[in-house]
Amino acid sequence: MTEETNSGPDVPPDHIAINPKSEFFDAEKLRRGIGIRFKGTVRNNVEEYCISEGWVRVQAGKTLDRRGNPLTIKLNGPVEAWYEDLGEDAPVAK
C-alpha cells in the first residue's frame, strides 16, 4: 500500500455501506473485498464508512434496534480504504 490516491477504478468509493437497504450499498464493489484502516488500525467490523467526512459505523455489540437491525455507533477519525483483491501494493483512498 505504497501508492496514495483518491480516485480511479482500483480505488474504493468514498462512501459505502454493507446494508442492502442503504443508498450507498454496492454489491459489486463489496464482492471485491474492501480493507479499512481507521485511526491506523485495520478494522474488519465496519458496517459503513465515509472517507471524506472521516467516520465509520460499527456494530454496538449484539444490540438490535426496534426493527431488528444491528445497532451501530459512529466513530470519527481518519479513514483509509483499499481493495483487498489487489494485494499488498493496492492504491489507498484517504
Protein backbone atom coordinates (compact mmCIF):
# COMPACT_ATOMS: atom_id res chain seq x y z
CA MET A 1 0.00 0.00 0.00
CA THR A 2 2.62 2.47 -1.05
CA GLU A 3 0.61 4.50 -3.53
CA GLU A 4 -1.81 7.14 -2.25
CA THR A 5 -4.71 8.22 -4.42
CA ASN A 6 -8.34 9.34 -4.16
CA SER A 7 -9.98 8.22 -7.39
CA GLY A 8 -9.83 5.68 -10.19
CA PRO A 9 -11.17 2.22 -10.97
CA ASP A 10 -8.90 0.47 -8.44
CA VAL A 11 -9.82 2.74 -5.51
CA PRO A 12 -12.90 2.05 -3.35
CA PRO A 13 -15.71 4.63 -3.29
CA ASP A 14 -15.72 7.50 -0.79
CA HIS A 15 -18.86 6.17 0.95
CA ILE A 16 -20.16 2.60 1.03
CA ALA A 17 -22.42 0.51 3.29
CA ILE A 18 -22.93 -3.24 3.68
CA ASN A 19 -26.68 -2.90 4.37
CA PRO A 20 -28.65 -3.66 1.14
CA LYS A 21 -31.33 -1.13 2.18
CA SER A 22 -28.82 1.74 2.16
CA GLU A 23 -28.47 4.07 -0.83
CA PHE A 24 -24.69 3.59 -0.53
CA PHE A 25 -24.84 -0.22 -0.95
CA ASP A 26 -22.93 -1.59 -3.98
CA ALA A 27 -22.73 -5.40 -4.10
CA GLU A 28 -20.25 -5.49 -6.98
CA LYS A 29 -17.69 -3.36 -5.14
CA LEU A 30 -18.24 -5.19 -1.85
CA ARG A 31 -17.60 -8.57 -3.54
CA ARG A 32 -14.05 -7.45 -4.29
CA GLY A 33 -13.37 -7.02 -0.57
CA ILE A 34 -12.61 -3.62 0.90
CA GLY A 35 -9.94 -3.23 3.56
CA ILE A 36 -10.48 -0.44 6.09
CA ARG A 37 -7.89 1.26 8.28
CA PHE A 38 -9.40 3.52 10.94
CA LYS A 39 -7.09 5.61 13.15
CA GLY A 40 -4.15 3.49 11.99
CA THR A 41 -5.76 0.13 12.86
CA VAL A 42 -7.12 -2.33 10.29
CA ARG A 43 -10.78 -2.98 11.12
CA ASN A 44 -12.93 -5.88 9.90
CA ASN A 45 -16.20 -4.94 11.65
CA VAL A 46 -17.11 -1.78 9.71
CA GLU A 47 -20.76 -1.58 8.59
CA GLU A 48 -20.40 1.72 6.68
CA TYR A 49 -17.71 4.33 6.12
CA CYS A 50 -17.17 7.78 4.60
CA ILE A 51 -13.60 8.81 3.82
CA SER A 52 -14.27 12.48 3.04
CA GLU A 53 -16.25 13.05 6.26
CA GLY A 54 -13.87 10.91 8.35
CA TRP A 55 -16.14 8.37 10.05
CA VAL A 56 -17.04 4.69 10.26
CA ARG A 57 -20.09 2.89 11.65
CA VAL A 58 -19.51 -0.27 13.65
CA GLN A 59 -21.90 -2.65 15.34
CA ALA A 60 -22.54 -1.93 19.05
CA GLY A 61 -22.22 -5.46 20.42
CA LYS A 62 -25.22 -7.72 19.87
CA THR A 63 -27.76 -4.94 20.45
CA LEU A 64 -30.59 -4.62 17.91
CA ASP A 65 -32.74 -1.61 17.08
CA ARG A 66 -36.54 -1.75 17.10
CA ARG A 67 -36.60 -3.09 13.52
CA GLY A 68 -34.26 -5.98 14.35
CA ASN A 69 -31.22 -4.45 12.65
CA PRO A 70 -27.85 -4.29 14.42
CA LEU A 71 -27.43 -1.08 16.42
CA THR A 72 -24.41 0.85 15.13
CA ILE A 73 -22.29 3.64 16.54
CA LYS A 74 -20.48 6.29 14.52
CA LEU A 75 -16.78 6.78 15.24
CA ASN A 76 -14.91 9.83 13.93
CA GLY A 77 -11.31 9.79 12.74
CA PRO A 78 -9.09 9.27 9.70
CA VAL A 79 -10.30 6.51 7.35
CA GLU A 80 -8.34 4.70 4.62
CA ALA A 81 -9.78 2.10 2.23
CA TRP A 82 -8.38 -0.25 -0.42
CA TYR A 83 -9.50 -3.24 -2.46
CA GLU A 84 -8.15 -6.41 -0.86
CA ASP A 85 -8.12 -8.33 -4.16
CA LEU A 86 -5.27 -6.12 -5.44
CA GLY A 87 -2.74 -7.44 -2.91
CA GLU A 88 -0.14 -5.66 -0.80
CA ASP A 89 0.50 -2.68 -3.13
CA ALA A 90 -3.13 -1.69 -3.68
CA PRO A 91 -3.89 2.03 -4.13
CA VAL A 92 -5.27 3.52 -0.90
CA ALA A 93 -8.10 6.07 -0.75
CA LYS A 94 -7.52 8.59 2.05
